N, C-alpha and C. Protein backbone atom coordinates (compact mmCIF):
# COMPACT_ATOMS: atom_id res chain seq x y z
N MET A 1 0.83 -1.15 0.05
CA MET A 1 0.13 0.01 -0.06
C MET A 1 0.98 1.30 -0.06
N SER A 2 0.84 2.06 -1.03
CA SER A 2 1.67 3.29 -1.09
C SER A 2 1.11 4.43 -0.25
N GLU A 3 2.04 5.26 0.12
CA GLU A 3 1.52 6.36 0.88
C GLU A 3 1.05 7.53 -0.05
N LYS A 4 0.44 8.57 0.51
CA LYS A 4 0.03 9.59 -0.26
C LYS A 4 1.14 10.50 -0.65
N PRO A 5 1.10 11.07 -1.86
CA PRO A 5 2.40 11.98 -2.27
C PRO A 5 2.43 13.11 -1.25
N LEU A 6 3.54 13.74 -1.20
CA LEU A 6 3.88 14.97 -0.26
C LEU A 6 3.05 16.17 -0.92
N VAL A 7 2.72 17.00 -0.15
CA VAL A 7 1.89 18.22 -0.43
C VAL A 7 2.76 19.40 -0.07
N PRO A 8 2.79 20.37 -0.90
CA PRO A 8 3.52 21.59 -0.59
C PRO A 8 2.92 22.30 0.61
N TYR A 9 3.77 22.89 1.46
CA TYR A 9 3.30 23.52 2.74
C TYR A 9 2.20 24.64 2.38
N LYS A 10 2.41 25.29 1.32
CA LYS A 10 1.58 26.38 1.04
C LYS A 10 0.17 26.01 0.75
N SER A 11 -0.03 24.78 0.24
CA SER A 11 -1.36 24.31 -0.03
C SER A 11 -2.14 23.73 1.25
N LEU A 12 -1.51 23.62 2.39
CA LEU A 12 -2.17 23.16 3.52
C LEU A 12 -3.10 24.22 4.12
N LYS A 13 -4.23 23.74 4.64
CA LYS A 13 -5.25 24.58 5.27
C LYS A 13 -4.91 24.86 6.72
N GLN A 14 -3.93 24.05 7.34
CA GLN A 14 -3.70 24.20 8.81
C GLN A 14 -2.37 24.77 9.07
N LYS A 15 -1.91 25.65 8.26
CA LYS A 15 -0.62 26.30 8.38
C LYS A 15 -0.51 27.01 9.86
N ALA A 16 -1.66 27.60 10.31
CA ALA A 16 -1.57 28.31 11.62
C ALA A 16 -1.33 27.26 12.70
N ARG A 17 -1.94 26.04 12.62
CA ARG A 17 -1.65 25.12 13.68
C ARG A 17 -0.29 24.54 13.80
N ILE A 18 0.40 24.36 12.62
CA ILE A 18 1.85 24.01 12.46
C ILE A 18 2.67 25.02 12.95
N ALA A 19 2.32 26.38 12.71
CA ALA A 19 3.15 27.47 13.18
C ALA A 19 3.04 27.60 14.71
N ASP A 20 1.82 27.32 15.21
CA ASP A 20 1.68 27.38 16.61
C ASP A 20 2.53 26.21 17.28
N TRP A 21 2.48 25.03 16.79
CA TRP A 21 3.55 24.05 17.23
C TRP A 21 5.02 24.46 17.20
N MET A 22 5.32 25.16 16.12
CA MET A 22 6.68 25.70 16.09
C MET A 22 7.02 26.65 17.19
N TYR A 23 6.13 27.59 17.37
CA TYR A 23 6.18 28.65 18.45
C TYR A 23 6.25 28.00 19.76
N ARG A 24 5.40 27.08 20.15
CA ARG A 24 5.38 26.41 21.45
C ARG A 24 6.55 25.73 21.73
N GLU A 25 7.13 25.00 20.78
CA GLU A 25 8.38 24.19 21.01
C GLU A 25 9.52 25.17 21.14
N THR A 26 9.51 26.23 20.48
CA THR A 26 10.60 27.22 20.62
C THR A 26 10.46 27.84 22.12
N LEU A 27 9.30 28.24 22.47
CA LEU A 27 9.03 28.88 23.76
C LEU A 27 9.37 27.89 24.88
N ARG A 28 9.02 26.54 24.69
CA ARG A 28 9.22 25.55 25.64
C ARG A 28 10.85 25.48 25.83
N PHE A 29 11.59 25.47 24.71
CA PHE A 29 13.02 25.32 24.78
C PHE A 29 13.62 26.50 25.51
N PHE A 30 13.10 27.70 25.24
CA PHE A 30 13.62 28.89 25.85
C PHE A 30 13.37 28.99 27.41
N LEU A 31 12.16 28.52 27.65
CA LEU A 31 11.93 28.52 29.21
C LEU A 31 12.70 27.60 29.87
N GLU A 32 13.03 26.48 29.33
CA GLU A 32 13.93 25.49 29.98
C GLU A 32 15.40 25.95 30.09
N HIS A 33 15.86 26.50 28.92
CA HIS A 33 17.26 26.81 28.83
C HIS A 33 17.65 28.28 28.92
N GLN A 34 16.72 29.23 28.94
CA GLN A 34 16.91 30.62 28.93
C GLN A 34 17.72 31.13 27.75
N ARG A 35 17.54 30.54 26.60
CA ARG A 35 18.17 31.02 25.34
C ARG A 35 17.54 30.45 24.21
N MET A 36 17.89 30.90 23.13
CA MET A 36 17.32 30.35 21.85
C MET A 36 18.17 29.17 21.37
N PRO A 37 17.53 28.24 20.65
CA PRO A 37 18.34 26.89 20.32
C PRO A 37 19.35 27.25 19.30
N GLU A 38 20.42 26.44 19.45
CA GLU A 38 21.49 26.47 18.40
C GLU A 38 21.24 25.51 17.43
N ALA A 39 22.12 25.26 16.44
CA ALA A 39 22.01 24.49 15.25
C ALA A 39 21.50 22.93 15.63
N GLU A 40 22.20 22.24 16.51
CA GLU A 40 21.82 20.90 16.75
C GLU A 40 20.46 20.86 17.54
N GLU A 41 20.28 21.92 18.46
CA GLU A 41 19.03 21.88 19.17
C GLU A 41 17.88 22.26 18.33
N PHE A 42 18.11 23.12 17.27
CA PHE A 42 17.16 23.54 16.28
C PHE A 42 16.74 22.28 15.56
N GLU A 43 17.64 21.40 15.19
CA GLU A 43 17.32 20.27 14.40
C GLU A 43 16.43 19.30 15.22
N LEU A 44 16.65 19.26 16.47
CA LEU A 44 15.84 18.45 17.39
C LEU A 44 14.47 19.04 17.45
N LEU A 45 14.30 20.33 17.50
CA LEU A 45 13.01 20.92 17.70
C LEU A 45 12.25 20.65 16.31
N CYS A 46 12.86 20.76 15.17
CA CYS A 46 12.39 20.47 13.93
C CYS A 46 11.79 19.05 13.87
N GLN A 47 12.55 18.08 14.38
CA GLN A 47 12.06 16.77 14.46
C GLN A 47 10.85 16.54 15.24
N ILE A 48 10.80 17.26 16.37
CA ILE A 48 9.50 17.17 17.27
C ILE A 48 8.43 17.73 16.56
N VAL A 49 8.59 18.86 15.91
CA VAL A 49 7.48 19.51 15.25
C VAL A 49 7.08 18.63 14.01
N TYR A 50 7.94 18.10 13.23
CA TYR A 50 7.64 17.25 12.27
C TYR A 50 6.93 15.93 12.55
N ALA A 51 7.24 15.46 13.66
CA ALA A 51 6.64 14.33 14.26
C ALA A 51 5.08 14.62 14.50
N LYS A 52 4.88 15.79 15.13
CA LYS A 52 3.36 16.22 15.21
C LYS A 52 2.65 16.46 13.95
N VAL A 53 3.45 16.92 12.94
CA VAL A 53 2.79 17.18 11.60
C VAL A 53 2.42 15.84 11.11
N ARG A 54 3.37 14.80 11.09
CA ARG A 54 3.08 13.48 10.59
C ARG A 54 1.98 12.78 11.37
N ILE A 55 1.95 12.90 12.66
CA ILE A 55 0.84 12.29 13.47
C ILE A 55 -0.48 12.90 13.11
N SER A 56 -0.69 14.12 12.73
CA SER A 56 -1.81 14.74 12.24
C SER A 56 -2.12 14.43 10.92
N ASN A 57 -1.36 13.53 10.29
CA ASN A 57 -1.75 13.16 8.86
C ASN A 57 -1.46 14.24 7.87
N TYR A 58 -0.65 15.21 8.05
CA TYR A 58 -0.24 16.11 7.10
C TYR A 58 1.06 15.51 6.29
N ARG A 59 0.97 15.60 4.92
CA ARG A 59 2.00 15.02 4.15
C ARG A 59 2.87 16.15 3.60
N VAL A 60 3.72 16.58 4.39
CA VAL A 60 4.66 17.77 3.91
C VAL A 60 6.01 17.17 4.06
N ALA A 61 7.03 17.65 3.25
CA ALA A 61 8.33 17.29 3.32
C ALA A 61 9.06 17.85 4.61
N TYR A 62 9.98 17.00 5.21
CA TYR A 62 10.66 17.44 6.35
C TYR A 62 11.47 18.81 6.06
N GLU A 63 12.14 18.81 4.94
CA GLU A 63 12.93 19.88 4.46
C GLU A 63 12.16 21.23 4.44
N GLU A 64 10.91 21.09 4.02
CA GLU A 64 10.09 22.25 3.84
C GLU A 64 9.76 22.90 5.23
N ILE A 65 9.37 21.86 6.16
CA ILE A 65 9.10 22.43 7.55
C ILE A 65 10.30 23.01 8.17
N GLN A 66 11.46 22.36 7.94
CA GLN A 66 12.77 22.88 8.58
C GLN A 66 12.91 24.26 7.92
N GLN A 67 12.93 24.44 6.64
CA GLN A 67 13.22 25.75 6.03
C GLN A 67 12.20 26.78 6.63
N ILE A 68 10.86 26.53 6.76
CA ILE A 68 10.02 27.51 7.15
C ILE A 68 10.24 27.86 8.63
N TYR A 69 10.66 26.73 9.52
CA TYR A 69 10.85 27.03 10.90
C TYR A 69 12.06 27.86 10.99
N ALA A 70 13.13 27.66 10.13
CA ALA A 70 14.43 28.36 10.36
C ALA A 70 14.07 29.94 9.92
N LYS A 71 13.15 30.07 9.00
CA LYS A 71 12.85 31.37 8.48
C LYS A 71 12.10 32.15 9.59
N ARG A 72 11.29 31.42 10.39
CA ARG A 72 10.50 32.13 11.49
C ARG A 72 11.20 32.30 12.76
N LEU A 73 12.26 31.65 12.92
CA LEU A 73 12.93 31.61 14.25
C LEU A 73 13.34 33.04 14.82
N ASP A 74 13.69 33.94 13.98
CA ASP A 74 13.96 35.28 14.47
C ASP A 74 12.79 35.99 14.96
N SER A 75 11.74 35.83 14.24
CA SER A 75 10.45 36.53 14.68
C SER A 75 9.93 35.88 15.88
N TYR A 76 10.08 34.47 16.01
CA TYR A 76 9.79 33.83 17.31
C TYR A 76 10.52 34.33 18.42
N ALA A 77 11.82 34.70 18.19
CA ALA A 77 12.86 35.19 19.30
C ALA A 77 12.14 36.40 19.83
N GLN A 78 11.87 37.33 18.90
CA GLN A 78 11.09 38.62 19.25
C GLN A 78 9.87 38.41 20.07
N ARG A 79 9.12 37.58 19.49
CA ARG A 79 7.77 37.36 20.22
C ARG A 79 8.04 36.76 21.60
N ILE A 80 8.94 35.80 21.79
CA ILE A 80 9.21 35.20 23.00
C ILE A 80 9.68 36.26 24.00
N GLN A 81 10.52 37.11 23.50
CA GLN A 81 11.04 38.28 24.30
C GLN A 81 9.84 39.06 24.93
N ARG A 82 8.89 39.40 24.02
CA ARG A 82 7.72 40.14 24.47
C ARG A 82 6.87 39.32 25.50
N ASP A 83 6.74 38.03 25.14
CA ASP A 83 5.91 37.09 26.06
C ASP A 83 6.53 36.91 27.35
N VAL A 84 7.78 36.76 27.40
CA VAL A 84 8.49 36.66 28.69
C VAL A 84 8.40 37.94 29.61
N GLU A 85 8.55 39.03 28.91
CA GLU A 85 8.34 40.28 29.65
C GLU A 85 6.93 40.30 30.26
N ALA A 86 6.05 39.90 29.38
CA ALA A 86 4.58 39.91 29.91
C ALA A 86 4.28 38.72 30.67
N GLU A 87 5.22 37.94 31.03
CA GLU A 87 5.07 36.73 31.92
C GLU A 87 4.02 35.79 31.45
N VAL A 88 4.11 35.56 30.04
CA VAL A 88 3.35 34.50 29.39
C VAL A 88 4.03 33.07 29.56
N THR A 89 3.29 32.13 29.96
CA THR A 89 3.77 30.82 30.08
C THR A 89 3.01 29.82 29.09
N LEU A 90 3.58 28.66 28.91
CA LEU A 90 2.99 27.72 28.06
C LEU A 90 1.55 27.36 28.50
N GLU A 91 1.35 27.30 29.84
CA GLU A 91 0.07 26.96 30.37
C GLU A 91 -0.92 28.18 30.12
N SER A 92 -0.52 29.36 30.12
CA SER A 92 -1.38 30.47 29.78
C SER A 92 -1.74 30.52 28.37
N LEU A 93 -0.88 29.89 27.50
CA LEU A 93 -1.24 29.91 25.94
C LEU A 93 -2.22 28.80 25.76
N THR A 94 -2.34 27.89 26.63
CA THR A 94 -3.30 26.75 26.30
C THR A 94 -4.74 27.22 26.62
N LYS A 95 -5.58 26.97 25.67
CA LYS A 95 -7.05 27.46 25.83
C LYS A 95 -7.67 26.49 26.90
N PRO A 96 -8.40 27.14 27.80
CA PRO A 96 -9.12 26.25 28.64
C PRO A 96 -10.19 25.31 27.97
N PRO A 97 -10.43 24.30 28.32
CA PRO A 97 -11.45 23.37 27.70
C PRO A 97 -12.88 24.06 27.84
N LYS A 98 -13.53 23.83 26.77
CA LYS A 98 -14.89 24.50 26.79
C LYS A 98 -15.72 23.67 27.70
N GLN A 99 -16.43 24.32 28.58
CA GLN A 99 -17.41 23.65 29.48
C GLN A 99 -18.68 23.65 28.76
N LYS A 100 -19.37 22.52 28.88
CA LYS A 100 -20.68 22.23 28.38
C LYS A 100 -21.63 23.02 29.29
N LYS A 101 -22.58 23.72 28.66
CA LYS A 101 -23.55 24.50 29.28
C LYS A 101 -24.67 23.50 29.88
N ALA A 102 -25.05 23.73 31.07
CA ALA A 102 -26.15 22.86 31.65
C ALA A 102 -27.40 23.04 30.73
N PRO A 103 -28.11 21.99 30.42
CA PRO A 103 -29.39 22.24 29.64
C PRO A 103 -30.36 23.03 30.52
N LYS A 104 -31.02 23.95 29.85
CA LYS A 104 -31.94 24.74 30.49
C LYS A 104 -33.31 23.78 30.76
N PRO A 105 -33.94 24.09 31.93
CA PRO A 105 -35.06 23.28 32.26
C PRO A 105 -36.29 23.77 31.20
N PRO A 106 -37.04 22.90 30.86
CA PRO A 106 -38.04 23.38 29.88
C PRO A 106 -38.99 24.42 30.54
N ARG A 107 -39.41 25.43 29.72
CA ARG A 107 -40.27 26.42 30.27
C ARG A 107 -41.67 25.86 30.37
N LYS A 108 -42.32 26.42 31.43
CA LYS A 108 -43.73 26.03 31.65
C LYS A 108 -44.52 27.06 30.92
N ARG A 109 -45.49 26.44 30.22
CA ARG A 109 -46.35 27.32 29.52
C ARG A 109 -47.38 27.95 30.31
N LYS A 110 -47.60 29.30 30.11
CA LYS A 110 -48.66 29.92 30.88
C LYS A 110 -50.00 29.54 30.32
N LYS A 111 -50.79 29.23 31.23
CA LYS A 111 -52.23 28.91 30.84
C LYS A 111 -53.01 30.14 30.58
N LYS A 112 -53.67 30.17 29.49
CA LYS A 112 -54.55 31.39 29.24
C LYS A 112 -55.75 31.23 30.17
N LYS A 113 -56.15 32.51 30.65
CA LYS A 113 -57.29 32.57 31.49
C LYS A 113 -58.43 32.45 30.57
N ARG A 114 -59.41 31.68 30.81
CA ARG A 114 -60.72 31.60 30.10
C ARG A 114 -61.66 32.52 30.71
N GLU A 115 -62.32 33.16 29.75
CA GLU A 115 -63.41 34.15 30.29
C GLU A 115 -64.65 33.25 30.59
N PRO A 116 -65.42 33.47 31.52
CA PRO A 116 -66.59 32.65 31.80
C PRO A 116 -67.52 32.84 30.68
N ALA A 117 -68.14 31.72 30.22
CA ALA A 117 -69.07 31.71 29.15
C ALA A 117 -70.38 32.45 29.67
N THR A 118 -70.92 33.25 28.83
CA THR A 118 -72.18 34.02 29.04
C THR A 118 -73.25 33.39 28.32
N THR A 119 -74.38 33.17 29.00
CA THR A 119 -75.58 32.49 28.33
C THR A 119 -76.73 33.37 28.48
């Protein structure tokens, strides 16, 4: 059984999701080491992000993910700087799970007052 062919990154509809994974991994690294990743560490982060991409069934070439990640790393560094100053953490970036609203009890219908029949 052959695998699906690779798709260009530009044609993906979930680019924001992948970019979010890239940023979160970079932020996680920065919070652990208090510095941006170097070449070998960047390679490891690329592999982590690419694993998430593959698990989500996106068929994109590793080299393309690596190239885009490297291109965005400087802007991530600036964003991380702002987020650290604003005391943003990974936990605060995580959206709280949506709570299901309790179903409303059915409304009681108001009975119409009948006027007495006149004879």
